[in-house]
Amino acid sequence: MFGLNGEGGGGSWWIILVYIGLFAVLYFLLIRPNSKKKKREQEMRNNIAIGDDITTIGGIQGRIIAVKEDEDAFVIETGPDRTKMKFKKWAISSVDTVKDTPATGNESFMDKLAAKKAAKQAAKEEKEARKNNE
């Protein structure tokens, strides 16, 4: 009945569009954020340096005393007894050292907002100064 004389053939296009839409939603809600998170974690692990305080995925906290690039590992020192342990880089859960990062043009929203507010305030003061001089 359907499709023999051209009737009902347009219904299959709607199904294809629904599947494409569903895939797009899944991509933007699940796949893309997960890949961004993995990329950030890998970047964090590649940027560790001697002296950084870290926490491993097992909850062990310590300070990095050596980085072995050829083994993809690092050595940490923990506690007052200065126990040394060697881990693979994938075992890093977080880097607890706060580092000063230079401005790269990727300012945060709050930085941009503060700069805009300061510029508006300066323009307002200049306008008032001109008004008072007249």
N, C-alpha and C. Protein backbone atom coordinates (compact mmCIF):
# COMPACT_ATOMS: atom_id res chain seq x y z
N MET A 1 0.81 -1.19 0.00
CA MET A 1 0.00 0.00 0.00
C MET A 1 0.86 1.26 0.00
N PHE A 2 1.80 1.33 0.97
CA PHE A 2 2.61 2.53 1.07
C PHE A 2 3.76 2.47 0.09
N GLY A 3 3.98 3.55 -0.61
CA GLY A 3 5.11 3.65 -1.52
C GLY A 3 4.84 3.09 -2.91
N LEU A 4 3.71 2.43 -3.15
CA LEU A 4 3.44 1.89 -4.47
C LEU A 4 3.13 2.99 -5.48
N ASN A 5 2.37 3.96 -5.05
CA ASN A 5 2.03 5.03 -5.98
C ASN A 5 2.49 6.39 -5.46
N GLY A 6 3.62 6.39 -4.69
CA GLY A 6 4.22 7.65 -4.26
C GLY A 6 3.68 8.17 -2.94
N GLU A 7 2.72 7.49 -2.35
CA GLU A 7 2.18 7.95 -1.08
C GLU A 7 3.01 7.39 0.07
N GLY A 8 3.24 8.19 1.09
CA GLY A 8 3.91 7.72 2.30
C GLY A 8 5.42 7.65 2.19
N GLY A 9 6.01 7.98 1.07
CA GLY A 9 7.46 7.93 0.91
C GLY A 9 8.18 9.00 1.71
N GLY A 10 7.51 10.10 2.01
CA GLY A 10 8.12 11.21 2.76
C GLY A 10 8.32 10.88 4.22
N GLY A 11 7.67 9.87 4.74
CA GLY A 11 7.79 9.51 6.14
C GLY A 11 9.17 9.00 6.51
N SER A 12 9.84 8.37 5.56
CA SER A 12 11.16 7.84 5.87
C SER A 12 12.17 8.97 6.07
N TRP A 13 11.98 10.12 5.40
CA TRP A 13 12.89 11.26 5.61
C TRP A 13 12.78 11.79 7.02
N TRP A 14 11.58 11.80 7.58
CA TRP A 14 11.42 12.28 8.95
C TRP A 14 12.15 11.37 9.93
N ILE A 15 12.10 10.10 9.69
CA ILE A 15 12.79 9.15 10.58
C ILE A 15 14.30 9.38 10.52
N ILE A 16 14.81 9.60 9.31
CA ILE A 16 16.26 9.86 9.16
C ILE A 16 16.63 11.16 9.88
N LEU A 17 15.81 12.20 9.74
CA LEU A 17 16.08 13.47 10.42
C LEU A 17 16.02 13.32 11.93
N VAL A 18 15.11 12.51 12.43
CA VAL A 18 15.02 12.28 13.87
C VAL A 18 16.29 11.58 14.37
N TYR A 19 16.75 10.58 13.62
CA TYR A 19 17.99 9.89 14.01
C TYR A 19 19.19 10.83 13.98
N ILE A 20 19.28 11.68 12.98
CA ILE A 20 20.38 12.64 12.90
C ILE A 20 20.31 13.61 14.08
N GLY A 21 19.13 14.09 14.38
CA GLY A 21 18.94 14.99 15.53
C GLY A 21 19.30 14.32 16.84
N LEU A 22 18.91 13.07 16.99
CA LEU A 22 19.22 12.32 18.20
C LEU A 22 20.73 12.13 18.35
N PHE A 23 21.39 11.80 17.26
CA PHE A 23 22.85 11.65 17.30
C PHE A 23 23.52 12.98 17.66
N ALA A 24 23.03 14.09 17.10
CA ALA A 24 23.61 15.40 17.40
C ALA A 24 23.46 15.74 18.88
N VAL A 25 22.29 15.46 19.44
CA VAL A 25 22.06 15.72 20.87
C VAL A 25 22.99 14.86 21.72
N LEU A 26 23.11 13.58 21.39
CA LEU A 26 24.01 12.70 22.14
C LEU A 26 25.46 13.17 22.03
N TYR A 27 25.86 13.61 20.85
CA TYR A 27 27.23 14.09 20.66
C TYR A 27 27.51 15.29 21.56
N PHE A 28 26.62 16.29 21.54
CA PHE A 28 26.87 17.51 22.30
C PHE A 28 26.66 17.35 23.80
N LEU A 29 25.87 16.37 24.22
CA LEU A 29 25.64 16.18 25.65
C LEU A 29 26.56 15.14 26.28
N LEU A 30 27.01 14.16 25.53
CA LEU A 30 27.79 13.07 26.12
C LEU A 30 29.21 12.96 25.56
N ILE A 31 29.35 12.86 24.27
CA ILE A 31 30.66 12.55 23.68
C ILE A 31 31.61 13.74 23.76
N ARG A 32 31.18 14.91 23.35
CA ARG A 32 32.07 16.08 23.32
C ARG A 32 32.57 16.48 24.70
N PRO A 33 31.71 16.60 25.73
CA PRO A 33 32.23 16.97 27.05
C PRO A 33 33.22 15.94 27.60
N ASN A 34 32.96 14.66 27.34
CA ASN A 34 33.86 13.62 27.82
C ASN A 34 35.23 13.72 27.15
N SER A 35 35.25 14.01 25.85
CA SER A 35 36.54 14.12 25.16
C SER A 35 37.29 15.37 25.63
N LYS A 36 36.58 16.47 25.91
CA LYS A 36 37.23 17.67 26.43
C LYS A 36 37.83 17.40 27.81
N LYS A 37 37.11 16.67 28.64
CA LYS A 37 37.60 16.34 29.98
C LYS A 37 38.87 15.50 29.89
N LYS A 38 38.87 14.51 29.01
CA LYS A 38 40.05 13.66 28.84
C LYS A 38 41.24 14.47 28.35
N LYS A 39 40.99 15.42 27.45
CA LYS A 39 42.06 16.26 26.92
C LYS A 39 42.66 17.13 28.03
N ARG A 40 41.81 17.72 28.88
CA ARG A 40 42.30 18.54 30.00
C ARG A 40 43.12 17.70 30.97
N GLU A 41 42.64 16.48 31.28
CA GLU A 41 43.38 15.61 32.20
C GLU A 41 44.74 15.23 31.63
N GLN A 42 44.79 14.93 30.34
CA GLN A 42 46.07 14.57 29.72
C GLN A 42 47.02 15.76 29.73
N GLU A 43 46.50 16.94 29.48
CA GLU A 43 47.33 18.14 29.51
C GLU A 43 47.88 18.38 30.92
N MET A 44 47.02 18.17 31.94
CA MET A 44 47.45 18.33 33.33
C MET A 44 48.57 17.34 33.65
N ARG A 45 48.43 16.12 33.20
CA ARG A 45 49.44 15.09 33.49
C ARG A 45 50.74 15.36 32.75
N ASN A 46 50.67 15.93 31.57
CA ASN A 46 51.88 16.23 30.81
C ASN A 46 52.61 17.46 31.33
N ASN A 47 51.91 18.33 32.06
CA ASN A 47 52.51 19.57 32.54
C ASN A 47 52.96 19.51 34.00
N ILE A 48 53.08 18.32 34.58
CA ILE A 48 53.55 18.25 35.96
C ILE A 48 55.02 18.61 36.01
N ALA A 49 55.42 19.17 37.14
CA ALA A 49 56.82 19.58 37.29
C ALA A 49 57.28 19.24 38.70
N ILE A 50 58.58 19.18 38.87
CA ILE A 50 59.16 18.91 40.18
C ILE A 50 58.72 20.01 41.14
N GLY A 51 58.26 19.61 42.32
CA GLY A 51 57.79 20.56 43.33
C GLY A 51 56.28 20.68 43.39
N ASP A 52 55.56 20.15 42.41
CA ASP A 52 54.10 20.20 42.43
C ASP A 52 53.55 19.27 43.49
N ASP A 53 52.54 19.75 44.21
CA ASP A 53 51.81 18.90 45.14
C ASP A 53 50.69 18.23 44.36
N ILE A 54 50.57 16.90 44.49
CA ILE A 54 49.57 16.16 43.72
C ILE A 54 48.80 15.21 44.62
N THR A 55 47.67 14.74 44.10
CA THR A 55 46.89 13.69 44.73
C THR A 55 46.71 12.60 43.69
N THR A 56 46.98 11.36 44.08
CA THR A 56 46.82 10.25 43.14
C THR A 56 45.38 9.76 43.16
N ILE A 57 45.04 8.87 42.22
CA ILE A 57 43.68 8.35 42.18
C ILE A 57 43.38 7.47 43.38
N GLY A 58 44.43 7.02 44.07
CA GLY A 58 44.25 6.24 45.29
C GLY A 58 44.14 7.10 46.54
N GLY A 59 44.28 8.42 46.39
CA GLY A 59 44.15 9.33 47.52
C GLY A 59 45.47 9.66 48.20
N ILE A 60 46.58 9.21 47.66
CA ILE A 60 47.88 9.49 48.26
C ILE A 60 48.31 10.89 47.84
N GLN A 61 48.69 11.70 48.84
CA GLN A 61 49.12 13.06 48.56
C GLN A 61 50.62 13.17 48.76
N GLY A 62 51.27 13.94 47.92
CA GLY A 62 52.70 14.12 48.05
C GLY A 62 53.23 15.19 47.12
N ARG A 63 54.53 15.37 47.17
CA ARG A 63 55.20 16.37 46.32
C ARG A 63 56.08 15.63 45.33
N ILE A 64 56.03 16.04 44.08
CA ILE A 64 56.82 15.40 43.02
C ILE A 64 58.29 15.78 43.22
N ILE A 65 59.16 14.75 43.25
CA ILE A 65 60.59 15.00 43.38
C ILE A 65 61.36 14.58 42.13
N ALA A 66 60.72 13.82 41.24
CA ALA A 66 61.38 13.42 39.99
C ALA A 66 60.31 13.07 38.96
N VAL A 67 60.58 13.42 37.70
CA VAL A 67 59.70 13.08 36.59
C VAL A 67 60.54 12.27 35.60
N LYS A 68 60.07 11.06 35.30
CA LYS A 68 60.79 10.17 34.39
C LYS A 68 59.99 10.05 33.09
N GLU A 69 60.34 10.89 32.13
CA GLU A 69 59.60 10.93 30.87
C GLU A 69 59.73 9.63 30.07
N ASP A 70 60.89 8.99 30.14
CA ASP A 70 61.09 7.77 29.35
C ASP A 70 60.22 6.62 29.86
N GLU A 71 59.88 6.64 31.14
CA GLU A 71 59.02 5.59 31.72
C GLU A 71 57.58 6.05 31.86
N ASP A 72 57.31 7.33 31.54
CA ASP A 72 55.98 7.92 31.73
C ASP A 72 55.56 7.78 33.19
N ALA A 73 56.49 8.12 34.09
CA ALA A 73 56.26 7.96 35.51
C ALA A 73 56.82 9.17 36.27
N PHE A 74 56.53 9.20 37.57
CA PHE A 74 57.05 10.25 38.44
C PHE A 74 57.25 9.66 39.83
N VAL A 75 58.04 10.34 40.64
CA VAL A 75 58.32 9.90 42.01
C VAL A 75 57.82 10.99 42.94
N ILE A 76 57.05 10.58 43.98
CA ILE A 76 56.59 11.56 44.96
C ILE A 76 57.18 11.24 46.32
N GLU A 77 57.18 12.26 47.15
CA GLU A 77 57.65 12.14 48.53
C GLU A 77 56.46 12.49 49.41
N THR A 78 56.17 11.63 50.37
CA THR A 78 54.99 11.84 51.20
C THR A 78 55.38 11.94 52.67
N GLY A 79 54.64 12.73 53.40
CA GLY A 79 54.74 12.80 54.85
C GLY A 79 56.07 13.25 55.41
N PRO A 80 56.11 13.36 56.73
CA PRO A 80 57.32 13.82 57.40
C PRO A 80 58.46 12.78 57.37
N ASP A 81 58.12 11.52 57.13
CA ASP A 81 59.16 10.49 57.07
C ASP A 81 59.81 10.41 55.70
N ARG A 82 59.35 11.27 54.76
CA ARG A 82 59.92 11.40 53.42
C ARG A 82 59.94 10.09 52.64
N THR A 83 58.87 9.36 52.71
CA THR A 83 58.74 8.12 51.96
C THR A 83 58.61 8.45 50.48
N LYS A 84 59.38 7.74 49.66
CA LYS A 84 59.35 7.98 48.21
C LYS A 84 58.61 6.84 47.53
N MET A 85 57.71 7.21 46.60
CA MET A 85 56.95 6.23 45.85
C MET A 85 56.94 6.61 44.38
N LYS A 86 56.95 5.61 43.52
CA LYS A 86 56.95 5.82 42.08
C LYS A 86 55.58 5.43 41.52
N PHE A 87 55.02 6.31 40.67
CA PHE A 87 53.71 6.09 40.07
C PHE A 87 53.79 6.36 38.57
N LYS A 88 52.85 5.80 37.84
CA LYS A 88 52.66 6.15 36.44
C LYS A 88 51.88 7.47 36.38
N LYS A 89 52.06 8.21 35.30
CA LYS A 89 51.39 9.52 35.17
C LYS A 89 49.87 9.40 35.16
N TRP A 90 49.34 8.29 34.64
CA TRP A 90 47.89 8.15 34.58
C TRP A 90 47.27 8.07 35.98
N ALA A 91 48.10 7.88 37.02
CA ALA A 91 47.59 7.76 38.39
C ALA A 91 47.34 9.11 39.04
N ILE A 92 47.65 10.21 38.37
CA ILE A 92 47.42 11.54 38.95
C ILE A 92 45.94 11.87 38.87
N SER A 93 45.37 12.21 40.02
CA SER A 93 43.99 12.63 40.06
C SER A 93 43.89 14.15 39.94
N SER A 94 44.75 14.86 40.69
CA SER A 94 44.73 16.32 40.61
C SER A 94 46.09 16.87 40.99
N VAL A 95 46.39 18.04 40.43
CA VAL A 95 47.58 18.79 40.81
C VAL A 95 47.10 19.88 41.74
N ASP A 96 47.59 19.86 42.98
CA ASP A 96 47.09 20.77 44.00
C ASP A 96 47.90 22.06 44.09
N THR A 97 48.97 22.17 43.33
CA THR A 97 49.79 23.37 43.35
C THR A 97 49.11 24.44 42.50
N VAL A 98 48.98 25.63 43.06
CA VAL A 98 48.41 26.74 42.32
C VAL A 98 49.54 27.44 41.59
N LYS A 99 49.41 27.51 40.26
CA LYS A 99 50.45 28.12 39.44
C LYS A 99 49.93 29.41 38.86
N ASP A 100 50.82 30.39 38.76
CA ASP A 100 50.47 31.64 38.09
C ASP A 100 50.57 31.39 36.60
N THR A 101 49.48 31.66 35.89
CA THR A 101 49.49 31.46 34.45
C THR A 101 49.53 32.81 33.76
N PRO A 102 50.39 32.98 32.78
CA PRO A 102 50.45 34.26 32.07
C PRO A 102 49.21 34.47 31.22
N ALA A 103 48.90 35.73 30.99
CA ALA A 103 47.74 36.06 30.16
C ALA A 103 48.02 35.65 28.72
N THR A 104 47.14 34.84 28.17
CA THR A 104 47.33 34.36 26.81
C THR A 104 46.25 34.89 25.87
N GLY A 105 45.47 35.84 26.35
CA GLY A 105 44.39 36.34 25.52
C GLY A 105 43.10 35.61 25.78
N ASN A 106 43.13 34.52 26.52
CA ASN A 106 41.93 33.76 26.86
C ASN A 106 41.49 34.17 28.26
N GLU A 107 41.09 35.43 28.40
CA GLU A 107 40.67 35.92 29.70
C GLU A 107 39.33 35.31 30.08
N SER A 108 39.11 35.20 31.37
CA SER A 108 37.84 34.66 31.83
C SER A 108 36.75 35.72 31.66
N PHE A 109 35.54 35.29 31.78
CA PHE A 109 34.40 36.18 31.63
C PHE A 109 34.43 37.27 32.68
N MET A 110 34.80 36.91 33.92
CA MET A 110 34.82 37.89 35.00
C MET A 110 35.91 38.94 34.77
N ASP A 111 37.06 38.54 34.23
CA ASP A 111 38.12 39.49 33.92
C ASP A 111 37.66 40.49 32.86
N LYS A 112 36.99 39.98 31.84
CA LYS A 112 36.49 40.85 30.79
C LYS A 112 35.44 41.81 31.33
N LEU A 113 34.58 41.30 32.21
CA LEU A 113 33.53 42.13 32.79
C LEU A 113 34.13 43.23 33.65
N ALA A 114 35.14 42.91 34.44
CA ALA A 114 35.80 43.90 35.30
C ALA A 114 36.50 44.95 34.45
N ALA A 115 37.13 44.56 33.36
CA ALA A 115 37.81 45.51 32.48
C ALA A 115 36.80 46.45 31.82
N LYS A 116 35.65 45.90 31.41
CA LYS A 116 34.60 46.71 30.81
C LYS A 116 34.05 47.72 31.81
N LYS A 117 33.85 47.25 33.04
CA LYS A 117 33.32 48.12 34.09
C LYS A 117 34.30 49.25 34.39
N ALA A 118 35.59 48.93 34.44
CA ALA A 118 36.60 49.94 34.72
C ALA A 118 36.66 50.97 33.58
N ALA A 119 36.53 50.51 32.34
CA ALA A 119 36.54 51.41 31.20
C ALA A 119 35.34 52.35 31.23
N LYS A 120 34.17 51.82 31.59
CA LYS A 120 32.97 52.65 31.69
C LYS A 120 33.12 53.69 32.79
N GLN A 121 33.69 53.29 33.92
CA GLN A 121 33.89 54.20 35.04
C GLN A 121 34.86 55.32 34.65
N ALA A 122 35.94 54.97 33.94
CA ALA A 122 36.91 55.97 33.50
C ALA A 122 36.27 56.96 32.52
N ALA A 123 35.44 56.46 31.61
CA ALA A 123 34.76 57.32 30.65
C ALA A 123 33.79 58.26 31.37
N LYS A 124 33.12 57.74 32.37
CA LYS A 124 32.16 58.55 33.14
C LYS A 124 32.89 59.66 33.89
N GLU A 125 34.02 59.32 34.52
CA GLU A 125 34.80 60.33 35.25
C GLU A 125 35.35 61.39 34.32
N GLU A 126 35.79 60.98 33.13
CA GLU A 126 36.32 61.93 32.16
C GLU A 126 35.22 62.89 31.70
N LYS A 127 34.02 62.35 31.49
CA LYS A 127 32.89 63.17 31.06
C LYS A 127 32.53 64.19 32.14
N GLU A 128 32.55 63.74 33.41
CA GLU A 128 32.24 64.65 34.52
C GLU A 128 33.32 65.73 34.64
N ALA A 129 34.58 65.35 34.42
CA ALA A 129 35.67 66.32 34.50
C ALA A 129 35.52 67.40 33.43
N ARG A 130 35.15 67.00 32.21
CA ARG A 130 34.92 67.95 31.12
C ARG A 130 33.77 68.90 31.46
N LYS A 131 32.74 68.32 32.04
CA LYS A 131 31.55 69.11 32.41
C LYS A 131 31.92 70.15 33.45
N ASN A 132 32.74 69.78 34.44
CA ASN A 132 33.14 70.69 35.50
C ASN A 132 34.08 71.79 34.99
N ASN A 133 34.85 71.51 33.96
CA ASN A 133 35.79 72.48 33.40
C ASN A 133 35.08 73.54 32.56
N GLU A 134 33.88 73.26 32.10
CA GLU A 134 33.16 74.22 31.25
C GLU A 134 32.49 75.26 32.04
